[in-house]
PDB file of N, CA and C in Angstrom:
ATOM      1  N   UNK A   1       0.825  -1.191   0.000  1.00  0.00           N
ATOM      2  CA  UNK A   1       0.000   0.000   0.000  1.00  0.00           C
ATOM      3  C   UNK A   1       0.876   1.265   0.000  1.00  0.00           C
ATOM      4  N   UNK A   2       1.890   1.280   0.858  1.00  0.00           N
ATOM      5  CA  UNK A   2       2.784   2.431   0.940  1.00  0.00           C
ATOM      6  C   UNK A   2       3.522   2.647  -0.380  1.00  0.00           C
ATOM      7  N   UNK A   3       3.969   1.540  -0.996  1.00  0.00           N
ATOM      8  CA  UNK A   3       4.678   1.624  -2.270  1.00  0.00           C
ATOM      9  C   UNK A   3       3.768   2.210  -3.358  1.00  0.00           C
ATOM     10  N   UNK A   4       2.515   1.833  -3.346  1.00  0.00           N
ATOM     11  CA  UNK A   4       1.560   2.359  -4.322  1.00  0.00           C
ATOM     12  C   UNK A   4       1.350   3.853  -4.135  1.00  0.00           C
ATOM     13  N   UNK A   5       1.214   4.290  -2.888  1.00  0.00           N
ATOM     14  CA  UNK A   5       1.042   5.715  -2.612  1.00  0.00           C
ATOM     15  C   UNK A   5       2.280   6.500  -3.051  1.00  0.00           C
ATOM     16  N   UNK A   6       3.458   5.966  -2.817  1.00  0.00           N
ATOM     17  CA  UNK A   6       4.688   6.638  -3.238  1.00  0.00           C
ATOM     18  C   UNK A   6       4.765   6.739  -4.759  1.00  0.00           C
ATOM     19  N   UNK A   7       4.377   5.674  -5.451  1.00  0.00           N
ATOM     20  CA  UNK A   7       4.404   5.701  -6.919  1.00  0.00           C
ATOM     21  C   UNK A   7       3.391   6.702  -7.469  1.00  0.00           C
ATOM     22  N   UNK A   8       2.210   6.773  -6.860  1.00  0.00           N
ATOM     23  CA  UNK A   8       1.195   7.735  -7.297  1.00  0.00           C
ATOM     24  C   UNK A   8       1.685   9.163  -7.056  1.00  0.00           C
ATOM     25  N   UNK A   9       2.275   9.400  -5.892  1.00  0.00           N
ATOM     26  CA  UNK A   9       2.770  10.750  -5.605  1.00  0.00           C
ATOM     27  C   UNK A   9       3.922  11.123  -6.534  1.00  0.00           C
ATOM     28  N   UNK A  10       4.779  10.172  -6.870  1.00  0.00           N
ATOM     29  CA  UNK A  10       5.865  10.433  -7.821  1.00  0.00           C
ATOM     30  C   UNK A  10       5.301  10.794  -9.193  1.00  0.00           C
ATOM     31  N   UNK A  11       4.252  10.097  -9.597  1.00  0.00           N
ATOM     32  CA  UNK A  11       3.610  10.372 -10.876  1.00  0.00           C
ATOM     33  C   UNK A  11       2.983  11.766 -10.880  1.00  0.00           C
ATOM     34  N   UNK A  12       2.301  12.119  -9.809  1.00  0.00           N
ATOM     35  CA  UNK A  12       1.629  13.428  -9.736  1.00  0.00           C
ATOM     36  C   UNK A  12       2.643  14.570  -9.744  1.00  0.00           C
ATOM     37  N   UNK A  13       3.728  14.432  -8.993  1.00  0.00           N
ATOM     38  CA  UNK A  13       4.753  15.479  -8.962  1.00  0.00           C
ATOM     39  C   UNK A  13       5.443  15.583 -10.320  1.00  0.00           C
ATOM     40  N   UNK A  14       5.632  14.457 -10.990  1.00  0.00           N
ATOM     41  CA  UNK A  14       6.241  14.487 -12.323  1.00  0.00           C
ATOM     42  C   UNK A  14       5.342  15.197 -13.329  1.00  0.00           C
ATOM     43  N   UNK A  15       4.048  14.939 -13.260  1.00  0.00           N
ATOM     44  CA  UNK A  15       3.105  15.626 -14.150  1.00  0.00           C
ATOM     45  C   UNK A  15       3.116  17.138 -13.880  1.00  0.00           C
ATOM     46  N   UNK A  16       3.157  17.525 -12.605  1.00  0.00           N
ATOM     47  CA  UNK A  16       3.187  18.955 -12.298  1.00  0.00           C
ATOM     48  C   UNK A  16       4.487  19.600 -12.791  1.00  0.00           C
ATOM     49  N   UNK A  17       5.580  18.852 -12.764  1.00  0.00           N
ATOM     50  CA  UNK A  17       6.840  19.374 -13.293  1.00  0.00           C
ATOM     51  C   UNK A  17       6.733  19.615 -14.797  1.00  0.00           C
ATOM     52  N   UNK A  18       6.093  18.698 -15.498  1.00  0.00           N
ATOM     53  CA  UNK A  18       5.891  18.869 -16.941  1.00  0.00           C
ATOM     54  C   UNK A  18       5.033  20.107 -17.211  1.00  0.00           C
ATOM     55  N   UNK A  19       4.000  20.307 -16.388  1.00  0.00           N
ATOM     56  CA  UNK A  19       3.157  21.490 -16.562  1.00  0.00           C
ATOM     57  C   UNK A  19       3.926  22.778 -16.253  1.00  0.00           C
ATOM     58  N   UNK A  20       4.829  22.723 -15.281  1.00  0.00           N
ATOM     59  CA  UNK A  20       5.654  23.899 -15.006  1.00  0.00           C
ATOM     60  C   UNK A  20       6.619  24.184 -16.151  1.00  0.00           C
ATOM     61  N   UNK A  21       7.121  23.156 -16.800  1.00  0.00           N
ATOM     62  CA  UNK A  21       7.980  23.364 -17.970  1.00  0.00           C
ATOM     63  C   UNK A  21       7.190  24.060 -19.072  1.00  0.00           C
ATOM     64  N   UNK A  22       5.941  23.661 -19.239  1.00  0.00           N
ATOM     65  CA  UNK A  22       5.075  24.354 -20.204  1.00  0.00           C
ATOM     66  C   UNK A  22       4.927  25.828 -19.824  1.00  0.00           C
ATOM     67  N   UNK A  23       4.781  26.127 -18.530  1.00  0.00           N
ATOM     68  CA  UNK A  23       4.633  27.514 -18.076  1.00  0.00           C
ATOM     69  C   UNK A  23       5.920  28.297 -18.331  1.00  0.00           C
ATOM     70  N   UNK A  24       7.069  27.660 -18.195  1.00  0.00           N
ATOM     71  CA  UNK A  24       8.340  28.344 -18.476  1.00  0.00           C
ATOM     72  C   UNK A  24       8.418  28.705 -19.957  1.00  0.00           C
ATOM     73  N   UNK A  25       7.970  27.800 -20.812  1.00  0.00           N
ATOM     74  CA  UNK A  25       8.058  28.045 -22.247  1.00  0.00           C
ATOM     75  C   UNK A  25       7.006  29.049 -22.708  1.00  0.00           C
ATOM     76  N   UNK A  26       5.775  28.915 -22.246  1.00  0.00           N
ATOM     77  CA  UNK A  26       4.673  29.730 -22.746  1.00  0.00           C
ATOM     78  C   UNK A  26       4.221  30.825 -21.779  1.00  0.00           C
ATOM     79  N   UNK A  27       4.964  31.052 -20.709  1.00  0.00           N
ATOM     80  CA  UNK A  27       4.549  32.028 -19.707  1.00  0.00           C
ATOM     81  C   UNK A  27       4.292  33.389 -20.317  1.00  0.00           C
ATOM     82  N   UNK A  28       3.190  34.039 -19.922  1.00  0.00           N
ATOM     83  CA  UNK A  28       2.906  35.337 -20.533  1.00  0.00           C
ATOM     84  C   UNK A  28       3.891  36.434 -20.120  1.00  0.00           C
ATOM     85  N   UNK A  29       4.436  36.342 -18.914  1.00  0.00           N
ATOM     86  CA  UNK A  29       5.390  37.359 -18.465  1.00  0.00           C
ATOM     87  C   UNK A  29       6.627  36.679 -17.895  1.00  0.00           C
ATOM     88  N   UNK A  30       7.676  37.469 -17.763  1.00  0.00           N
ATOM     89  CA  UNK A  30       8.918  36.933 -17.206  1.00  0.00           C
ATOM     90  C   UNK A  30       8.772  36.528 -15.737  1.00  0.00           C
ATOM     91  N   UNK A  31       8.066  37.282 -14.892  1.00  0.00           N
ATOM     92  CA  UNK A  31       7.901  36.809 -13.514  1.00  0.00           C
ATOM     93  C   UNK A  31       7.174  35.463 -13.421  1.00  0.00           C
ATOM     94  N   UNK A  32       6.238  35.196 -14.345  1.00  0.00           N
ATOM     95  CA  UNK A  32       5.595  33.884 -14.370  1.00  0.00           C
ATOM     96  C   UNK A  32       6.609  32.786 -14.652  1.00  0.00           C
ATOM     97  N   UNK A  33       7.536  33.071 -15.532  1.00  0.00           N
ATOM     98  CA  UNK A  33       8.566  32.086 -15.856  1.00  0.00           C
ATOM     99  C   UNK A  33       9.495  31.849 -14.664  1.00  0.00           C
ATOM    100  N   UNK A  34       9.822  32.910 -13.932  1.00  0.00           N
ATOM    101  CA  UNK A  34      10.691  32.768 -12.762  1.00  0.00           C
ATOM    102  C   UNK A  34      10.006  31.926 -11.689  1.00  0.00           C
ATOM    103  N   UNK A  35       8.723  32.179 -11.463  1.00  0.00           N
ATOM    104  CA  UNK A  35       7.981  31.390 -10.469  1.00  0.00           C
ATOM    105  C   UNK A  35       7.906  29.925 -10.906  1.00  0.00           C
ATOM    106  N   UNK A  36       7.719  29.685 -12.192  1.00  0.00           N
ATOM    107  CA  UNK A  36       7.673  28.310 -12.687  1.00  0.00           C
ATOM    108  C   UNK A  36       9.026  27.620 -12.524  1.00  0.00           C
ATOM    109  N   UNK A  37      10.113  28.346 -12.757  1.00  0.00           N
ATOM    110  CA  UNK A  37      11.440  27.751 -12.554  1.00  0.00           C
ATOM    111  C   UNK A  37      11.676  27.412 -11.087  1.00  0.00           C
ATOM    112  N   UNK A  38      11.220  28.272 -10.191  1.00  0.00           N
ATOM    113  CA  UNK A  38      11.339  27.989  -8.768  1.00  0.00           C
ATOM    114  C   UNK A  38      10.517  26.757  -8.397  1.00  0.00           C
ATOM    115  N   UNK A  39       9.333  26.655  -8.950  1.00  0.00           N
ATOM    116  CA  UNK A  39       8.492  25.499  -8.665  1.00  0.00           C
ATOM    117  C   UNK A  39       9.096  24.210  -9.229  1.00  0.00           C
ATOM    118  N   UNK A  40       9.776  24.307 -10.365  1.00  0.00           N
ATOM    119  CA  UNK A  40      10.466  23.129 -10.913  1.00  0.00           C
ATOM    120  C   UNK A  40      11.564  22.686  -9.954  1.00  0.00           C
ATOM    121  N   UNK A  41      12.293  23.640  -9.376  1.00  0.00           N
ATOM    122  CA  UNK A  41      13.322  23.277  -8.391  1.00  0.00           C
ATOM    123  C   UNK A  41      12.729  22.584  -7.177  1.00  0.00           C
ATOM    124  N   UNK A  42      11.601  23.088  -6.698  1.00  0.00           N
ATOM    125  CA  UNK A  42      10.937  22.458  -5.557  1.00  0.00           C
ATOM    126  C   UNK A  42      10.468  21.051  -5.928  1.00  0.00           C
ATOM    127  N   UNK A  43       9.926  20.906  -7.134  1.00  0.00           N
ATOM    128  CA  UNK A  43       9.479  19.580  -7.569  1.00  0.00           C
ATOM    129  C   UNK A  43      10.650  18.613  -7.734  1.00  0.00           C
ATOM    130  N   UNK A  44      11.796  19.103  -8.178  1.00  0.00           N
ATOM    131  CA  UNK A  44      12.969  18.224  -8.276  1.00  0.00           C
ATOM    132  C   UNK A  44      13.402  17.732  -6.899  1.00  0.00           C
ATOM    133  N   UNK A  45      13.315  18.608  -5.910  1.00  0.00           N
ATOM    134  CA  UNK A  45      13.608  18.185  -4.539  1.00  0.00           C
ATOM    135  C   UNK A  45      12.613  17.107  -4.097  1.00  0.00           C
ATOM    136  N   UNK A  46      11.331  17.326  -4.408  1.00  0.00           N
ATOM    137  CA  UNK A  46      10.304  16.356  -4.022  1.00  0.00           C
ATOM    138  C   UNK A  46      10.491  15.025  -4.737  1.00  0.00           C
ATOM    139  N   UNK A  47      10.801  15.048  -6.015  1.00  0.00           N
ATOM    140  CA  UNK A  47      11.012  13.808  -6.768  1.00  0.00           C
ATOM    141  C   UNK A  47      12.204  13.047  -6.210  1.00  0.00           C
ATOM    142  N   UNK A  48      13.276  13.757  -5.909  1.00  0.00           N
ATOM    143  CA  UNK A  48      14.454  13.100  -5.354  1.00  0.00           C
ATOM    144  C   UNK A  48      14.163  12.513  -3.975  1.00  0.00           C
ATOM    145  N   UNK A  49      13.395  13.231  -3.162  1.00  0.00           N
ATOM    146  CA  UNK A  49      13.047  12.724  -1.835  1.00  0.00           C
ATOM    147  C   UNK A  49      12.152  11.493  -1.930  1.00  0.00           C
ATOM    148  N   UNK A  50      11.189  11.518  -2.827  1.00  0.00           N
ATOM    149  CA  UNK A  50      10.312  10.355  -2.992  1.00  0.00           C
ATOM    150  C   UNK A  50      11.100   9.156  -3.497  1.00  0.00           C
ATOM    151  N   UNK A  51      12.004   9.384  -4.437  1.00  0.00           N
ATOM    152  CA  UNK A  51      12.845   8.281  -4.911  1.00  0.00           C
ATOM    153  C   UNK A  51      13.726   7.738  -3.797  1.00  0.00           C
ATOM    154  N   UNK A  52      14.203   8.606  -2.944  1.00  0.00           N
ATOM    155  CA  UNK A  52      15.013   8.174  -1.810  1.00  0.00           C
ATOM    156  C   UNK A  52      14.202   7.267  -0.868  1.00  0.00           C
ATOM    157  N   UNK A  53      12.944   7.613  -0.662  1.00  0.00           N
ATOM    158  CA  UNK A  53      12.083   6.786   0.194  1.00  0.00           C
ATOM    159  C   UNK A  53      11.757   5.470  -0.500  1.00  0.00           C
ATOM    160  N   UNK A  54      11.455   5.523  -1.792  1.00  0.00           N
ATOM    161  CA  UNK A  54      11.100   4.309  -2.533  1.00  0.00           C
ATOM    162  C   UNK A  54      12.279   3.340  -2.573  1.00  0.00           C
ATOM    163  N   UNK A  55      13.471   3.862  -2.783  1.00  0.00           N
ATOM    164  CA  UNK A  55      14.665   3.010  -2.859  1.00  0.00           C
ATOM    165  C   UNK A  55      15.244   2.675  -1.488  1.00  0.00           C
ATOM    166  N   UNK A  56      14.676   3.228  -0.430  1.00  0.00           N
ATOM    167  CA  UNK A  56      15.098   2.980   0.953  1.00  0.00           C
ATOM    168  C   UNK A  56      16.587   3.251   1.146  1.00  0.00           C
ATOM    169  N   UNK A  57      16.998   4.446   0.728  1.00  0.00           N
ATOM    170  CA  UNK A  57      18.385   4.846   0.873  1.00  0.00           C
ATOM    171  C   UNK A  57      18.457   6.306   1.309  1.00  0.00           C
ATOM    172  N   UNK A  58      19.531   6.640   1.951  1.00  0.00           N
ATOM    173  CA  UNK A  58      19.748   8.037   2.333  1.00  0.00           C
ATOM    174  C   UNK A  58      20.858   8.670   1.495  1.00  0.00           C
ATOM    175  N   UNK A  59      21.191   8.027   0.392  1.00  0.00           N
ATOM    176  CA  UNK A  59      22.284   8.517  -0.449  1.00  0.00           C
ATOM    177  C   UNK A  59      21.928   9.795  -1.183  1.00  0.00           C
ATOM    178  N   UNK A  60      20.642  10.080  -1.310  1.00  0.00           N
ATOM    179  CA  UNK A  60      20.222  11.248  -2.080  1.00  0.00           C
ATOM    180  C   UNK A  60      20.057  12.496  -1.229  1.00  0.00           C
ATOM    181  N   UNK A  61      20.337  12.437   0.055  1.00  0.00           N
ATOM    182  CA  UNK A  61      20.116  13.597   0.916  1.00  0.00           C
ATOM    183  C   UNK A  61      20.998  14.784   0.532  1.00  0.00           C
ATOM    184  N   UNK A  62      22.244  14.509   0.170  1.00  0.00           N
ATOM    185  CA  UNK A  62      23.118  15.592  -0.259  1.00  0.00           C
ATOM    186  C   UNK A  62      22.643  16.191  -1.572  1.00  0.00           C
ATOM    187  N   UNK A  63      22.117  15.349  -2.451  1.00  0.00           N
ATOM    188  CA  UNK A  63      21.591  15.828  -3.726  1.00  0.00           C
ATOM    189  C   UNK A  63      20.384  16.734  -3.489  1.00  0.00           C
ATOM    190  N   UNK A  64      19.519  16.361  -2.538  1.00  0.00           N
ATOM    191  CA  UNK A  64      18.351  17.176  -2.209  1.00  0.00           C
ATOM    192  C   UNK A  64      18.793  18.549  -1.715  1.00  0.00           C
ATOM    193  N   UNK A  65      19.779  18.584  -0.837  1.00  0.00           N
ATOM    194  CA  UNK A  65      20.281  19.874  -0.343  1.00  0.00           C
ATOM    195  C   UNK A  65      20.886  20.711  -1.466  1.00  0.00           C
ATOM    196  N   UNK A  66      21.646  20.086  -2.339  1.00  0.00           N
ATOM    197  CA  UNK A  66      22.279  20.797  -3.448  1.00  0.00           C
ATOM    198  C   UNK A  66      21.239  21.383  -4.393  1.00  0.00           C
ATOM    199  N   UNK A  67      20.224  20.606  -4.746  1.00  0.00           N
ATOM    200  CA  UNK A  67      19.174  21.103  -5.631  1.00  0.00           C
ATOM    201  C   UNK A  67      18.440  22.265  -4.972  1.00  0.00           C
ATOM    202  N   UNK A  68      18.148  22.148  -3.684  1.00  0.00           N
ATOM    203  CA  UNK A  68      17.459  23.218  -2.970  1.00  0.00           C
ATOM    204  C   UNK A  68      18.258  24.506  -2.937  1.00  0.00           C
ATOM    205  N   UNK A  69      19.555  24.394  -2.677  1.00  0.00           N
ATOM    206  CA  UNK A  69      20.411  25.581  -2.639  1.00  0.00           C
ATOM    207  C   UNK A  69      20.513  26.228  -4.017  1.00  0.00           C
ATOM    208  N   UNK A  70      20.713  25.407  -5.057  1.00  0.00           N
ATOM    209  CA  UNK A  70      20.815  25.954  -6.409  1.00  0.00           C
ATOM    210  C   UNK A  70      19.505  26.601  -6.867  1.00  0.00           C
ATOM    211  N   UNK A  71      18.383  25.999  -6.517  1.00  0.00           N
ATOM    212  CA  UNK A  71      17.088  26.583  -6.881  1.00  0.00           C
ATOM    213  C   UNK A  71      16.888  27.921  -6.187  1.00  0.00           C
ATOM    214  N   UNK A  72      17.275  28.007  -4.914  1.00  0.00           N
ATOM    215  CA  UNK A  72      17.143  29.263  -4.184  1.00  0.00           C
ATOM    216  C   UNK A  72      18.028  30.349  -4.774  1.00  0.00           C
ATOM    217  N   UNK A  73      19.281  30.018  -5.052  1.00  0.00           N
ATOM    218  CA  UNK A  73      20.202  31.005  -5.618  1.00  0.00           C
ATOM    219  C   UNK A  73      19.724  31.463  -6.994  1.00  0.00           C
ATOM    220  N   UNK A  74      19.225  30.536  -7.788  1.00  0.00           N
ATOM    221  CA  UNK A  74      18.705  30.898  -9.102  1.00  0.00           C
ATOM    222  C   UNK A  74      17.513  31.820  -9.013  1.00  0.00           C
ATOM    223  N   UNK A  75      16.609  31.551  -8.080  1.00  0.00           N
ATOM    224  CA  UNK A  75      15.436  32.402  -7.912  1.00  0.00           C
ATOM    225  C   UNK A  75      15.831  33.801  -7.445  1.00  0.00           C
ATOM    226  N   UNK A  76      16.767  33.880  -6.523  1.00  0.00           N
ATOM    227  CA  UNK A  76      17.227  35.191  -6.048  1.00  0.00           C
ATOM    228  C   UNK A  76      17.904  35.962  -7.175  1.00  0.00           C
ATOM    229  N   UNK A  77      18.710  35.281  -7.979  1.00  0.00           N
ATOM    230  CA  UNK A  77      19.402  35.951  -9.083  1.00  0.00           C
ATOM    231  C   UNK A  77      18.407  36.457 -10.121  1.00  0.00           C
ATOM    232  N   UNK A  78      17.433  35.633 -10.491  1.00  0.00           N
ATOM    233  CA  UNK A  78      16.421  36.070 -11.454  1.00  0.00           C
ATOM    234  C   UNK A  78      15.608  37.237 -10.909  1.00  0.00           C
ATOM    235  N   UNK A  79      15.250  37.176  -9.639  1.00  0.00           N
ATOM    236  CA  UNK A  79      14.455  38.255  -9.038  1.00  0.00           C
ATOM    237  C   UNK A  79      15.235  39.559  -9.019  1.00  0.00           C
ATOM    238  N   UNK A  80      16.516  39.474  -8.674  1.00  0.00           N
ATOM    239  CA  UNK A  80      17.343  40.677  -8.651  1.00  0.00           C
ATOM    240  C   UNK A  80      17.513  41.245 -10.056  1.00  0.00           C
ATOM    241  N   UNK A  81      17.648  40.365 -11.028  1.00  0.00           N
ATOM    242  CA  UNK A  81      17.767  40.818 -12.412  1.00  0.00           C
ATOM    243  C   UNK A  81      16.486  41.511 -12.868  1.00  0.00           C
ATOM    244  N   UNK A  82      15.331  40.946 -12.495  1.00  0.00           N
ATOM    245  CA  UNK A  82      14.063  41.562 -12.889  1.00  0.00           C
ATOM    246  C   UNK A  82      13.868  42.918 -12.221  1.00  0.00           C
ATOM    247  N   UNK A  83      14.345  43.038 -10.985  1.00  0.00           N
ATOM    248  CA  UNK A  83      14.155  44.284 -10.252  1.00  0.00           C
ATOM    249  C   UNK A  83      15.089  45.382 -10.730  1.00  0.00           C
ATOM    250  N   UNK A  84      16.384  45.067 -10.866  1.00  0.00           N
ATOM    251  CA  UNK A  84      17.380  46.101 -11.140  1.00  0.00           C
ATOM    252  C   UNK A  84      17.988  46.024 -12.531  1.00  0.00           C
ATOM    253  N   UNK A  85      17.811  44.935 -13.235  1.00  0.00           N
ATOM    254  CA  UNK A  85      18.387  44.807 -14.567  1.00  0.00           C
ATOM    255  C   UNK A  85      19.808  44.299 -14.585  1.00  0.00           C
ATOM    256  N   UNK A  86      20.374  44.037 -13.422  1.00  0.00           N
ATOM    257  CA  UNK A  86      21.719  43.475 -13.336  1.00  0.00           C
ATOM    258  C   UNK A  86      21.796  42.586 -12.101  1.00  0.00           C
ATOM    259  N   UNK A  87      22.659  41.597 -12.182  1.00  0.00           N
ATOM    260  CA  UNK A  87      22.779  40.654 -11.076  1.00  0.00           C
ATOM    261  C   UNK A  87      23.895  41.067 -10.136  1.00  0.00           C
ATOM    262  N   UNK A  88      25.050  41.397 -10.698  1.00  0.00           N
ATOM    263  CA  UNK A  88      26.204  41.808  -9.892  1.00  0.00           C
ATOM    264  C   UNK A  88      26.384  43.305 -10.067  1.00  0.00           C
ATOM    265  N   UNK A  89      26.315  44.024  -8.972  1.00  0.00           N
ATOM    266  CA  UNK A  89      26.441  45.485  -9.027  1.00  0.00           C
ATOM    267  C   UNK A  89      27.903  45.880  -8.876  1.00  0.00           C
ATOM    268  N   UNK A  90      28.296  46.839  -9.676  1.00  0.00           N
ATOM    269  CA  UNK A  90      29.640  47.399  -9.580  1.00  0.00           C
ATOM    270  C   UNK A  90      29.504  48.862  -9.204  1.00  0.00           C
ATOM    271  N   UNK A  91      29.306  49.127  -7.923  1.00  0.00           N
ATOM    272  CA  UNK A  91      29.088  50.486  -7.438  1.00  0.00           C
ATOM    273  C   UNK A  91      30.362  51.135  -6.915  1.00  0.00           C
ATOM    274  N   UNK A  92      31.501  50.697  -7.339  1.00  0.00           N
ATOM    275  CA  UNK A  92      32.758  51.259  -6.864  1.00  0.00           C
ATOM    276  C   UNK A  92      32.972  52.626  -7.479  1.00  0.00           C
ATOM    277  N   UNK A  93      33.424  53.535  -6.645  1.00  0.00           N
ATOM    278  CA  UNK A  93      33.787  54.874  -7.141  1.00  0.00           C
ATOM    279  C   UNK A  93      35.248  54.840  -7.532  1.00  0.00           C
ATOM    280  N   UNK A  94      35.507  55.175  -8.759  1.00  0.00           N
ATOM    281  CA  UNK A  94      36.892  55.165  -9.241  1.00  0.00           C
ATOM    282  C   UNK A  94      37.506  56.543  -9.078  1.00  0.00           C
ATOM    283  N   UNK A  95      37.922  56.870  -7.853  1.00  0.00           N
ATOM    284  CA  UNK A  95      38.552  58.174  -7.570  1.00  0.00           C
ATOM    285  C   UNK A  95      40.029  58.082  -7.663  1.00  0.00           C
TER     286      UNK A  95
END
């Protein structure tokens, strides 16, 4: 029963990831695309965690942390780019 529930949840999260990929491609605005990319990162964490439970291993825990960190950094970078038009600011005064 537990294995069936895990397989169903893996299928549902995979379908939502496919729908988020569609939103990234066809998103009407750039902020919609950024939110979809963030949601894809969250879904990748969920898929990896579900696979870790299904395979009864803890080998994927570092991968889950890495995906989460990269998704967060990517979302912050995209948000900063949308707000200011640049990611890395060079505000040094050349006196």
